[in-house]
Structure formats: C-alpha cells, structure tokens
Amino acid sequence: MLKAKKGRLLISEPTLFDETFFKSVILLTHYSKEESIGLILNKPTKINLNEILEEINSDQFTIYVGGPVGKNSIQFIHTLGEKISKSIEILEGLYWGGDFDQVTQLINAGEVTREEMKFFIGYTGWGEEQLDKEIREESWIVTKGSNEECMKHTTSQIWSELIKTQKNKYAIWTNLPKDPSLN
C-alpha cells in the first residue's frame, strides 16, 4: 500500500458515505505528520469563476468544491508553473497556487485554457496524524496521481475509473448509487 504524500491521490473507499467525500478523489497538495491539505478533484459546481470574481472576463473556468474547509477561499492547480510565480510544484509539471494577479492577467489575455488550470472553493484538511489514521481505518485508498487525472473536468466518472484500477474487490462498487437503499 502506498503512503500518503504530496502529489498522491486519495480515492474514497466505497463504504465512505459522508456527503462531502462520497465517491471523491482528492489530490494531496501538502502532506506532513502535523497537517495535510488536499483538493477534491471531481465535485464541480454550476458556477464559473467569472461569476464570483468580476475581474475575470472568461466564462470557461468551472469552480469545483475543493472541500469543506475555507469555503471563502479560492484554490487552484495548473500546469503553468513557469508562467506563474510563487507556484508550488506538487507533481512533475503540476502546480498549486501562485500569484493570482498573474493568473487574472493570463486568463483575461486568453493565454490560459481550462485544460491548464482548475479552480476550487475551499479545501480538505486534516490535523496531526488524522489522515494517516483514516488511511489505516481504510477510509481512503492512496494511489499515484498524474497531471491528466488531476486536470480532467469530470464528476464521479474519475472515481469509478480509478477504483477499477484497484483490487478486484472494488469492481462491484463502481456503479454504486448515492443512496443504495433507494435502489
């Protein structure tokens, strides 16, 4: 089993029925024993970035729910580390954050596409050793991440795709409805 670290993906176990994390895939943007931070990759809203930030003139950037913490903050990942100062590389060629004034300028100049940048409201967070405990309790499957998986614009589809790559015992769960009792 892989250990949690920056750049890894957390796939929610099929039995994790928490409303926020049901069928979620989280990119770990920061990991330490003291705290861990991640972004839910597959929970899009129906809101575009320009609807909440009037300085943005493009309507092509969907906002995703990054998690239940800091819902008044905007987080972002991108593939433009060389163009955006203060970016933190979390995977080879994939970055978290950076100078938002530069981001605004690049978007408004039409120099960024939605395939290169993804925005989130809030983030997920764990306190000291909390994430490691949840992994030991089998709430999360830890796997390697890739730029392609992280930058996809999907909903629960990515969860099903990733869960199929795990042990055969998970195959039956790929079509699990949100509330199995209604089935």
N, C-alpha and C. Protein backbone atom coordinates (compact mmCIF):
# COMPACT_ATOMS: atom_id res chain seq x y z
N MET A 1 0.85 -1.19 0.00
CA MET A 1 0.00 0.00 0.00
C MET A 1 0.88 1.23 0.00
N LEU A 2 0.53 2.21 -0.83
CA LEU A 2 1.27 3.46 -0.89
C LEU A 2 0.99 4.31 0.34
N LYS A 3 1.98 5.09 0.70
CA LYS A 3 1.82 6.03 1.81
C LYS A 3 1.39 7.38 1.25
N ALA A 4 0.71 8.16 2.07
CA ALA A 4 0.28 9.50 1.68
C ALA A 4 1.50 10.39 1.53
N LYS A 5 1.48 11.25 0.52
CA LYS A 5 2.49 12.29 0.36
C LYS A 5 1.98 13.28 -0.69
N LYS A 6 2.63 14.43 -0.75
CA LYS A 6 2.25 15.46 -1.70
C LYS A 6 2.23 14.87 -3.12
N GLY A 7 1.15 15.16 -3.85
CA GLY A 7 1.01 14.68 -5.22
C GLY A 7 0.28 13.37 -5.37
N ARG A 8 0.01 12.69 -4.27
CA ARG A 8 -0.73 11.44 -4.33
C ARG A 8 -2.23 11.73 -4.37
N LEU A 9 -2.98 10.75 -4.85
CA LEU A 9 -4.43 10.85 -4.88
C LEU A 9 -5.01 9.99 -3.77
N LEU A 10 -6.06 10.49 -3.15
CA LEU A 10 -6.84 9.72 -2.18
C LEU A 10 -8.17 9.39 -2.86
N ILE A 11 -8.47 8.11 -2.94
CA ILE A 11 -9.74 7.66 -3.51
C ILE A 11 -10.59 7.22 -2.33
N SER A 12 -11.78 7.80 -2.20
CA SER A 12 -12.62 7.41 -1.07
C SER A 12 -13.03 5.95 -1.21
N GLU A 13 -12.96 5.25 -0.09
CA GLU A 13 -13.39 3.85 -0.07
C GLU A 13 -14.88 3.81 -0.42
N PRO A 14 -15.33 2.76 -1.09
CA PRO A 14 -16.75 2.66 -1.48
C PRO A 14 -17.71 2.75 -0.30
N THR A 15 -17.26 2.41 0.89
CA THR A 15 -18.15 2.44 2.05
C THR A 15 -18.13 3.78 2.78
N LEU A 16 -17.41 4.77 2.27
CA LEU A 16 -17.36 6.10 2.90
C LEU A 16 -18.57 6.89 2.39
N PHE A 17 -19.61 6.97 3.20
CA PHE A 17 -20.86 7.58 2.76
C PHE A 17 -21.03 9.02 3.20
N ASP A 18 -19.99 9.64 3.73
CA ASP A 18 -20.03 11.05 4.09
C ASP A 18 -20.41 11.85 2.85
N GLU A 19 -21.39 12.72 2.99
CA GLU A 19 -21.91 13.52 1.86
C GLU A 19 -20.80 14.24 1.09
N THR A 20 -19.87 14.83 1.80
CA THR A 20 -18.80 15.59 1.16
C THR A 20 -17.84 14.70 0.40
N PHE A 21 -17.54 13.52 0.93
CA PHE A 21 -16.48 12.70 0.38
C PHE A 21 -16.94 11.45 -0.37
N PHE A 22 -18.25 11.25 -0.50
CA PHE A 22 -18.77 10.09 -1.22
C PHE A 22 -18.25 10.10 -2.66
N LYS A 23 -17.62 9.01 -3.09
CA LYS A 23 -17.06 8.87 -4.44
C LYS A 23 -16.15 10.04 -4.81
N SER A 24 -15.32 10.46 -3.87
CA SER A 24 -14.43 11.58 -4.16
C SER A 24 -13.01 11.13 -4.43
N VAL A 25 -12.31 11.95 -5.20
CA VAL A 25 -10.89 11.78 -5.47
C VAL A 25 -10.22 13.07 -5.05
N ILE A 26 -9.25 12.95 -4.15
CA ILE A 26 -8.59 14.14 -3.59
C ILE A 26 -7.12 14.14 -3.96
N LEU A 27 -6.65 15.27 -4.45
CA LEU A 27 -5.24 15.47 -4.72
C LEU A 27 -4.61 16.07 -3.47
N LEU A 28 -3.59 15.41 -2.92
CA LEU A 28 -2.88 15.97 -1.77
C LEU A 28 -1.91 17.05 -2.26
N THR A 29 -2.15 18.27 -1.84
CA THR A 29 -1.29 19.38 -2.23
C THR A 29 -0.21 19.65 -1.19
N HIS A 30 -0.43 19.17 0.02
CA HIS A 30 0.52 19.32 1.13
C HIS A 30 0.33 18.14 2.07
N TYR A 31 1.47 17.57 2.52
CA TYR A 31 1.37 16.46 3.47
C TYR A 31 2.51 16.54 4.47
N SER A 32 2.17 16.44 5.75
CA SER A 32 3.14 16.28 6.82
C SER A 32 2.43 15.56 7.96
N LYS A 33 3.17 15.14 8.95
CA LYS A 33 2.55 14.48 10.11
C LYS A 33 1.66 15.45 10.87
N GLU A 34 1.98 16.75 10.82
CA GLU A 34 1.23 17.76 11.56
C GLU A 34 -0.08 18.16 10.87
N GLU A 35 -0.05 18.22 9.54
CA GLU A 35 -1.25 18.62 8.80
C GLU A 35 -1.15 18.16 7.36
N SER A 36 -2.30 17.98 6.75
CA SER A 36 -2.37 17.62 5.33
C SER A 36 -3.48 18.44 4.69
N ILE A 37 -3.26 18.79 3.43
CA ILE A 37 -4.22 19.60 2.68
C ILE A 37 -4.44 18.95 1.32
N GLY A 38 -5.68 18.96 0.86
CA GLY A 38 -5.99 18.41 -0.45
C GLY A 38 -7.16 19.11 -1.09
N LEU A 39 -7.40 18.77 -2.35
CA LEU A 39 -8.49 19.34 -3.14
C LEU A 39 -9.29 18.21 -3.76
N ILE A 40 -10.61 18.25 -3.58
CA ILE A 40 -11.48 17.26 -4.21
C ILE A 40 -11.52 17.59 -5.70
N LEU A 41 -11.13 16.64 -6.54
CA LEU A 41 -10.99 16.89 -7.97
C LEU A 41 -12.29 16.72 -8.76
N ASN A 42 -13.27 16.03 -8.20
CA ASN A 42 -14.41 15.62 -9.01
C ASN A 42 -15.77 16.09 -8.48
N LYS A 43 -15.81 17.29 -7.92
CA LYS A 43 -17.08 17.83 -7.43
C LYS A 43 -17.32 19.22 -8.05
N PRO A 44 -17.67 19.27 -9.35
CA PRO A 44 -17.89 20.58 -9.98
C PRO A 44 -19.17 21.23 -9.49
N THR A 45 -19.17 22.55 -9.49
CA THR A 45 -20.39 23.30 -9.21
C THR A 45 -20.97 23.74 -10.56
N LYS A 46 -22.02 24.49 -10.52
CA LYS A 46 -22.59 25.06 -11.76
C LYS A 46 -22.19 26.53 -11.89
N ILE A 47 -21.15 26.90 -11.16
CA ILE A 47 -20.70 28.30 -11.13
C ILE A 47 -19.35 28.40 -11.84
N ASN A 48 -19.21 29.44 -12.64
CA ASN A 48 -17.94 29.73 -13.30
C ASN A 48 -17.19 30.80 -12.51
N LEU A 49 -15.89 30.81 -12.66
CA LEU A 49 -15.03 31.73 -11.92
C LEU A 49 -15.44 33.20 -12.11
N ASN A 50 -15.80 33.57 -13.33
CA ASN A 50 -16.17 34.96 -13.61
C ASN A 50 -17.46 35.40 -12.92
N GLU A 51 -18.24 34.44 -12.42
CA GLU A 51 -19.47 34.78 -11.71
C GLU A 51 -19.19 35.21 -10.27
N ILE A 52 -18.04 34.83 -9.73
CA ILE A 52 -17.72 35.23 -8.36
C ILE A 52 -16.58 36.24 -8.30
N LEU A 53 -15.82 36.37 -9.38
CA LEU A 53 -14.74 37.35 -9.43
C LEU A 53 -14.95 38.24 -10.66
N GLU A 54 -15.38 39.47 -10.43
CA GLU A 54 -15.71 40.34 -11.55
C GLU A 54 -14.50 40.74 -12.39
N GLU A 55 -13.28 40.59 -11.86
CA GLU A 55 -12.09 40.93 -12.64
C GLU A 55 -11.75 39.87 -13.69
N ILE A 56 -12.43 38.73 -13.67
CA ILE A 56 -12.20 37.67 -14.65
C ILE A 56 -13.21 37.82 -15.79
N ASN A 57 -12.71 37.85 -17.03
CA ASN A 57 -13.63 38.06 -18.16
C ASN A 57 -13.91 36.80 -18.97
N SER A 58 -13.49 35.64 -18.51
CA SER A 58 -13.71 34.39 -19.23
C SER A 58 -14.70 33.52 -18.46
N ASP A 59 -15.61 32.89 -19.22
CA ASP A 59 -16.60 32.02 -18.57
C ASP A 59 -16.26 30.53 -18.72
N GLN A 60 -15.03 30.21 -19.08
CA GLN A 60 -14.69 28.80 -19.34
C GLN A 60 -14.16 28.05 -18.12
N PHE A 61 -14.05 28.70 -16.96
CA PHE A 61 -13.45 28.04 -15.79
C PHE A 61 -14.51 27.71 -14.74
N THR A 62 -14.88 26.44 -14.69
CA THR A 62 -15.83 25.92 -13.70
C THR A 62 -15.17 25.93 -12.33
N ILE A 63 -15.95 26.24 -11.32
CA ILE A 63 -15.48 26.15 -9.93
C ILE A 63 -15.82 24.76 -9.40
N TYR A 64 -14.86 24.14 -8.73
CA TYR A 64 -15.06 22.85 -8.08
C TYR A 64 -15.11 23.05 -6.58
N VAL A 65 -15.80 22.15 -5.88
CA VAL A 65 -15.79 22.17 -4.42
C VAL A 65 -14.50 21.45 -4.01
N GLY A 66 -13.57 22.19 -3.44
CA GLY A 66 -12.29 21.60 -3.03
C GLY A 66 -12.38 20.87 -1.71
N GLY A 67 -13.38 21.23 -0.91
CA GLY A 67 -13.58 20.60 0.38
C GLY A 67 -14.33 21.50 1.33
N PRO A 68 -14.58 21.00 2.53
CA PRO A 68 -15.42 21.73 3.48
C PRO A 68 -14.70 22.81 4.29
N VAL A 69 -13.39 22.94 4.15
CA VAL A 69 -12.62 23.91 4.93
C VAL A 69 -12.34 25.15 4.08
N GLY A 70 -12.37 26.31 4.69
CA GLY A 70 -12.01 27.56 4.00
C GLY A 70 -12.85 27.84 2.78
N LYS A 71 -14.16 27.72 2.92
CA LYS A 71 -15.05 27.91 1.77
C LYS A 71 -15.08 29.35 1.24
N ASN A 72 -14.40 30.24 1.91
CA ASN A 72 -14.31 31.62 1.42
C ASN A 72 -13.00 31.85 0.67
N SER A 73 -12.27 30.77 0.37
CA SER A 73 -11.01 30.90 -0.34
C SER A 73 -11.07 30.18 -1.69
N ILE A 74 -10.29 30.69 -2.64
CA ILE A 74 -10.17 30.05 -3.94
C ILE A 74 -8.78 29.44 -4.03
N GLN A 75 -8.76 28.16 -4.34
CA GLN A 75 -7.52 27.42 -4.56
C GLN A 75 -7.45 27.10 -6.05
N PHE A 76 -6.25 26.85 -6.55
CA PHE A 76 -6.16 26.44 -7.95
C PHE A 76 -4.93 25.59 -8.19
N ILE A 77 -5.08 24.69 -9.16
CA ILE A 77 -3.96 23.90 -9.65
C ILE A 77 -3.80 24.22 -11.13
N HIS A 78 -2.59 24.00 -11.63
CA HIS A 78 -2.33 24.37 -13.02
C HIS A 78 -1.07 23.69 -13.54
N THR A 79 -0.86 23.83 -14.83
CA THR A 79 0.33 23.29 -15.49
C THR A 79 1.25 24.41 -15.96
N LEU A 80 1.11 25.59 -15.39
CA LEU A 80 1.82 26.79 -15.85
C LEU A 80 2.85 27.31 -14.85
N GLY A 81 3.55 26.43 -14.20
CA GLY A 81 4.50 26.82 -13.16
C GLY A 81 5.53 27.84 -13.61
N GLU A 82 5.96 27.75 -14.86
CA GLU A 82 6.96 28.69 -15.36
C GLU A 82 6.37 30.08 -15.63
N LYS A 83 5.06 30.17 -15.76
CA LYS A 83 4.41 31.45 -16.06
C LYS A 83 3.84 32.13 -14.82
N ILE A 84 3.68 31.39 -13.73
CA ILE A 84 3.02 31.94 -12.54
C ILE A 84 3.98 31.84 -11.35
N SER A 85 4.45 32.99 -10.90
CA SER A 85 5.39 32.98 -9.78
C SER A 85 4.71 32.51 -8.50
N LYS A 86 5.51 32.02 -7.58
CA LYS A 86 5.07 31.52 -6.28
C LYS A 86 4.25 30.24 -6.36
N SER A 87 4.26 29.57 -7.51
CA SER A 87 3.59 28.29 -7.66
C SER A 87 4.38 27.23 -6.91
N ILE A 88 3.68 26.24 -6.38
CA ILE A 88 4.32 25.12 -5.67
C ILE A 88 4.10 23.86 -6.50
N GLU A 89 5.18 23.23 -6.92
CA GLU A 89 5.06 22.01 -7.71
C GLU A 89 4.65 20.86 -6.80
N ILE A 90 3.55 20.18 -7.16
CA ILE A 90 3.08 19.06 -6.34
C ILE A 90 3.24 17.72 -7.05
N LEU A 91 3.32 17.74 -8.33
CA LEU A 91 3.66 16.59 -9.18
C LEU A 91 4.52 17.16 -10.29
N GLU A 92 5.26 16.33 -10.98
CA GLU A 92 6.05 16.86 -12.09
C GLU A 92 5.12 17.53 -13.10
N GLY A 93 5.31 18.84 -13.27
CA GLY A 93 4.51 19.59 -14.22
C GLY A 93 3.14 20.03 -13.74
N LEU A 94 2.80 19.76 -12.48
CA LEU A 94 1.52 20.19 -11.92
C LEU A 94 1.78 21.04 -10.69
N TYR A 95 1.14 22.19 -10.63
CA TYR A 95 1.42 23.19 -9.60
C TYR A 95 0.15 23.57 -8.84
N TRP A 96 0.37 24.05 -7.63
CA TRP A 96 -0.70 24.52 -6.76
C TRP A 96 -0.43 25.98 -6.44
N GLY A 97 -1.44 26.83 -6.65
CA GLY A 97 -1.36 28.24 -6.26
C GLY A 97 -0.39 29.06 -7.08
N GLY A 98 -0.09 30.23 -6.53
CA GLY A 98 0.79 31.18 -7.20
C GLY A 98 0.20 32.57 -7.15
N ASP A 99 0.83 33.47 -7.85
CA ASP A 99 0.43 34.89 -7.88
C ASP A 99 -0.89 35.04 -8.64
N PHE A 100 -1.95 35.37 -7.91
CA PHE A 100 -3.28 35.42 -8.54
C PHE A 100 -3.43 36.60 -9.50
N ASP A 101 -2.69 37.68 -9.30
CA ASP A 101 -2.72 38.79 -10.26
C ASP A 101 -2.21 38.32 -11.63
N GLN A 102 -1.17 37.49 -11.63
CA GLN A 102 -0.67 36.94 -12.88
C GLN A 102 -1.71 36.01 -13.52
N VAL A 103 -2.38 35.22 -12.69
CA VAL A 103 -3.42 34.32 -13.19
C VAL A 103 -4.52 35.13 -13.87
N THR A 104 -4.97 36.18 -13.21
CA THR A 104 -6.02 37.04 -13.77
C THR A 104 -5.58 37.62 -15.12
N GLN A 105 -4.36 38.12 -15.19
CA GLN A 105 -3.85 38.69 -16.44
C GLN A 105 -3.81 37.64 -17.56
N LEU A 106 -3.33 36.44 -17.24
CA LEU A 106 -3.24 35.37 -18.24
C LEU A 106 -4.63 34.95 -18.74
N ILE A 107 -5.58 34.83 -17.82
CA ILE A 107 -6.95 34.45 -18.22
C ILE A 107 -7.56 35.53 -19.10
N ASN A 108 -7.46 36.78 -18.66
CA ASN A 108 -8.08 37.87 -19.41
C ASN A 108 -7.43 38.11 -20.77
N ALA A 109 -6.16 37.72 -20.92
CA ALA A 109 -5.48 37.84 -22.20
C ALA A 109 -5.74 36.62 -23.09
N GLY A 110 -6.50 35.65 -22.58
CA GLY A 110 -6.81 34.45 -23.35
C GLY A 110 -5.63 33.50 -23.48
N GLU A 111 -4.69 33.58 -22.55
CA GLU A 111 -3.47 32.77 -22.62
C GLU A 111 -3.54 31.51 -21.76
N VAL A 112 -4.71 31.22 -21.18
CA VAL A 112 -4.88 30.04 -20.33
C VAL A 112 -6.18 29.35 -20.74
N THR A 113 -6.12 28.03 -20.80
CA THR A 113 -7.32 27.25 -21.09
C THR A 113 -7.73 26.45 -19.86
N ARG A 114 -8.93 25.94 -19.86
CA ARG A 114 -9.41 25.14 -18.73
C ARG A 114 -8.66 23.82 -18.61
N GLU A 115 -7.96 23.41 -19.65
CA GLU A 115 -7.13 22.21 -19.58
C GLU A 115 -5.83 22.49 -18.82
N GLU A 116 -5.51 23.77 -18.63
CA GLU A 116 -4.27 24.15 -17.96
C GLU A 116 -4.47 24.63 -16.52
N MET A 117 -5.73 24.91 -16.15
CA MET A 117 -5.98 25.48 -14.83
C MET A 117 -7.34 25.03 -14.32
N LYS A 118 -7.41 24.74 -13.03
CA LYS A 118 -8.65 24.28 -12.40
C LYS A 118 -8.80 25.00 -11.07
N PHE A 119 -10.01 25.51 -10.79
CA PHE A 119 -10.26 26.33 -9.60
C PHE A 119 -11.20 25.62 -8.62
N PHE A 120 -10.98 25.90 -7.33
CA PHE A 120 -11.72 25.25 -6.26
C PHE A 120 -12.14 26.26 -5.20
N ILE A 121 -13.34 26.05 -4.65
CA ILE A 121 -13.78 26.78 -3.47
C ILE A 121 -13.49 25.86 -2.29
N GLY A 122 -12.70 26.33 -1.35
CA GLY A 122 -12.37 25.56 -0.17
C GLY A 122 -11.35 24.47 -0.45
N TYR A 123 -11.09 23.69 0.60
CA TYR A 123 -10.12 22.61 0.51
C TYR A 123 -10.43 21.59 1.60
N THR A 124 -9.76 20.47 1.54
CA THR A 124 -9.88 19.47 2.59
C THR A 124 -8.66 19.60 3.50
N GLY A 125 -8.84 19.33 4.76
CA GLY A 125 -7.73 19.44 5.69
C GLY A 125 -7.81 18.41 6.79
N TRP A 126 -6.67 17.98 7.22
CA TRP A 126 -6.56 17.01 8.31
C TRP A 126 -5.55 17.53 9.32
N GLY A 127 -5.82 17.32 10.58
CA GLY A 127 -4.90 17.70 11.65
C GLY A 127 -3.82 16.65 11.84
N GLU A 128 -3.09 16.81 12.93
CA GLU A 128 -1.95 15.96 13.22
C GLU A 128 -2.30 14.47 13.16
N GLU A 129 -1.66 13.76 12.24
CA GLU A 129 -1.79 12.32 12.04
C GLU A 129 -3.22 11.84 11.72
N GLN A 130 -4.15 12.77 11.53
CA GLN A 130 -5.54 12.41 11.26
C GLN A 130 -5.68 11.65 9.93
N LEU A 131 -5.02 12.12 8.89
CA LEU A 131 -5.12 11.45 7.60
C LEU A 131 -4.54 10.04 7.67
N ASP A 132 -3.38 9.90 8.30
CA ASP A 132 -2.78 8.57 8.42
C ASP A 132 -3.72 7.60 9.14
N LYS A 133 -4.40 8.10 10.16
CA LYS A 133 -5.36 7.28 10.90
C LYS A 133 -6.51 6.85 9.98
N GLU A 134 -7.05 7.79 9.18
CA GLU A 134 -8.14 7.47 8.27
C GLU A 134 -7.70 6.46 7.21
N ILE A 135 -6.45 6.55 6.77
CA ILE A 135 -5.94 5.58 5.79
C ILE A 135 -5.83 4.20 6.44
N ARG A 136 -5.33 4.14 7.66
CA ARG A 136 -5.24 2.86 8.38
C ARG A 136 -6.63 2.25 8.61
N GLU A 137 -7.62 3.11 8.81
CA GLU A 137 -9.01 2.65 9.00
C GLU A 137 -9.69 2.31 7.68
N GLU A 138 -8.97 2.45 6.58
CA GLU A 138 -9.45 2.14 5.23
C GLU A 138 -10.58 3.04 4.76
N SER A 139 -10.49 4.32 5.10
CA SER A 139 -11.42 5.30 4.54
C SER A 139 -10.93 5.77 3.17
N TRP A 140 -9.62 5.64 2.93
CA TRP A 140 -9.00 6.14 1.71
C TRP A 140 -8.07 5.10 1.11
N ILE A 141 -8.05 5.06 -0.22
CA ILE A 141 -7.07 4.29 -0.96
C ILE A 141 -6.08 5.32 -1.50
N VAL A 142 -4.80 5.10 -1.28
CA VAL A 142 -3.77 6.03 -1.74
C VAL A 142 -3.18 5.49 -3.04
N THR A 143 -3.10 6.35 -4.05
CA THR A 143 -2.54 5.96 -5.34
C THR A 143 -1.73 7.11 -5.91
N LYS A 144 -0.92 6.80 -6.90
CA LYS A 144 -0.13 7.85 -7.56
C LYS A 144 -1.05 8.71 -8.42
N GLY A 145 -0.75 9.98 -8.48
CA GLY A 145 -1.52 10.90 -9.30
C GLY A 145 -0.81 11.20 -10.60
N SER A 146 -1.55 11.75 -11.54
CA SER A 146 -0.96 12.20 -12.81
C SER A 146 -1.63 13.52 -13.20
N ASN A 147 -0.93 14.28 -14.02
CA ASN A 147 -1.50 15.55 -14.50
C ASN A 147 -2.84 15.31 -15.18
N GLU A 148 -2.91 14.28 -16.01
CA GLU A 148 -4.13 14.00 -16.76
C GLU A 148 -5.32 13.79 -15.83
N GLU A 149 -5.13 12.95 -14.81
CA GLU A 149 -6.22 12.67 -13.88
C GLU A 149 -6.61 13.93 -13.10
N CYS A 150 -5.64 14.70 -12.69
CA CYS A 150 -5.91 15.88 -11.87
C CYS A 150 -6.59 17.00 -12.66
N MET A 151 -6.30 17.10 -13.93
CA MET A 151 -6.84 18.22 -14.71
C MET A 151 -8.11 17.85 -15.47
N LYS A 152 -8.58 16.61 -15.37
CA LYS A 152 -9.83 16.21 -16.03
C LYS A 152 -10.99 17.04 -15.50
N HIS A 153 -11.93 17.29 -16.37
CA HIS A 153 -13.14 18.02 -15.97
C HIS A 153 -14.30 17.03 -15.95
N THR A 154 -14.37 16.26 -14.85
CA THR A 154 -15.39 15.22 -14.74
C THR A 154 -16.08 15.30 -13.39
N THR A 155 -17.05 14.43 -13.21
CA THR A 155 -17.70 14.31 -11.91
C THR A 155 -17.25 12.99 -11.31
N SER A 156 -18.15 12.12 -10.93
CA SER A 156 -17.77 10.87 -10.28
C SER A 156 -17.12 9.88 -11.24
N GLN A 157 -17.11 10.18 -12.52
CA GLN A 157 -16.50 9.29 -13.51
C GLN A 157 -15.06 8.95 -13.15
N ILE A 158 -14.28 9.91 -12.72
CA ILE A 158 -12.88 9.65 -12.38
C ILE A 158 -12.79 8.70 -11.19
N TRP A 159 -13.73 8.78 -10.24
CA TRP A 159 -13.72 7.87 -9.11
C TRP A 159 -13.90 6.43 -9.60
N SER A 160 -14.88 6.21 -10.46
CA SER A 160 -15.13 4.87 -10.99
C SER A 160 -13.93 4.35 -11.78
N GLU A 161 -13.32 5.21 -12.59
CA GLU A 161 -12.15 4.80 -13.36
C GLU A 161 -11.00 4.39 -12.45
N LEU A 162 -10.76 5.19 -11.41
CA LEU A 162 -9.65 4.90 -10.51
C LEU A 162 -9.94 3.69 -9.61
N ILE A 163 -11.17 3.55 -9.16
CA ILE A 163 -11.49 2.43 -8.28
C ILE A 163 -11.33 1.10 -9.03
N LYS A 164 -11.58 1.11 -10.34
CA LYS A 164 -11.41 -0.10 -11.16
C LYS A 164 -9.94 -0.51 -11.25
N THR A 165 -9.02 0.40 -11.06
CA THR A 165 -7.60 0.07 -11.13
C THR A 165 -7.09 -0.54 -9.83
N GLN A 166 -7.93 -0.58 -8.81
CA GLN A 166 -7.55 -1.13 -7.52
C GLN A 166 -7.90 -2.60 -7.44
N LYS A 167 -7.89 -3.15 -6.28
CA LYS A 167 -8.17 -4.57 -6.09
C LYS A 167 -9.53 -4.96 -6.68
N ASN A 168 -9.63 -6.20 -7.12
CA ASN A 168 -10.88 -6.69 -7.71
C ASN A 168 -12.08 -6.55 -6.77
N LYS A 169 -11.83 -6.53 -5.47
CA LYS A 169 -12.95 -6.44 -4.53
C LYS A 169 -13.75 -5.14 -4.70
N TYR A 170 -13.17 -4.15 -5.37
CA TYR A 170 -13.86 -2.87 -5.56
C TYR A 170 -14.69 -2.81 -6.83
N ALA A 171 -14.52 -3.76 -7.74
CA ALA A 171 -15.19 -3.70 -9.04
C ALA A 171 -16.70 -3.57 -8.92
N ILE A 172 -17.30 -4.28 -7.98
CA ILE A 172 -18.75 -4.25 -7.81
C ILE A 172 -19.26 -2.87 -7.39
N TRP A 173 -18.39 -2.07 -6.80
CA TRP A 173 -18.79 -0.78 -6.25
C TRP A 173 -18.84 0.35 -7.29
N THR A 174 -18.33 0.14 -8.50
CA THR A 174 -18.20 1.24 -9.46
C THR A 174 -19.52 1.88 -9.85
N ASN A 175 -20.61 1.14 -9.78
CA ASN A 175 -21.92 1.70 -10.13
C ASN A 175 -22.80 1.96 -8.92
N LEU A 176 -22.17 2.05 -7.75
CA LEU A 176 -22.90 2.27 -6.51
C LEU A 176 -23.67 3.60 -6.54
N PRO A 177 -24.99 3.56 -6.32
CA PRO A 177 -25.75 4.82 -6.27
C PRO A 177 -25.46 5.57 -4.97
N LYS A 178 -25.80 6.84 -4.94
CA LYS A 178 -25.56 7.66 -3.77
C LYS A 178 -26.26 7.11 -2.53
N ASP A 179 -27.49 6.62 -2.71
CA ASP A 179 -28.22 6.03 -1.61
C ASP A 179 -28.67 4.62 -2.01
N PRO A 180 -27.89 3.59 -1.68
CA PRO A 180 -28.21 2.23 -2.11
C PRO A 180 -29.58 1.75 -1.63
N SER A 181 -30.10 2.29 -0.55
CA SER A 181 -31.40 1.85 -0.05
C SER A 181 -32.55 2.24 -0.97
N LEU A 182 -32.30 3.18 -1.88
CA LEU A 182 -33.34 3.60 -2.83
C LEU A 182 -33.32 2.77 -4.10
N ASN A 183 -32.40 1.86 -4.19
CA ASN A 183 -32.22 1.04 -5.39
C ASN A 183 -33.24 -0.08 -5.46
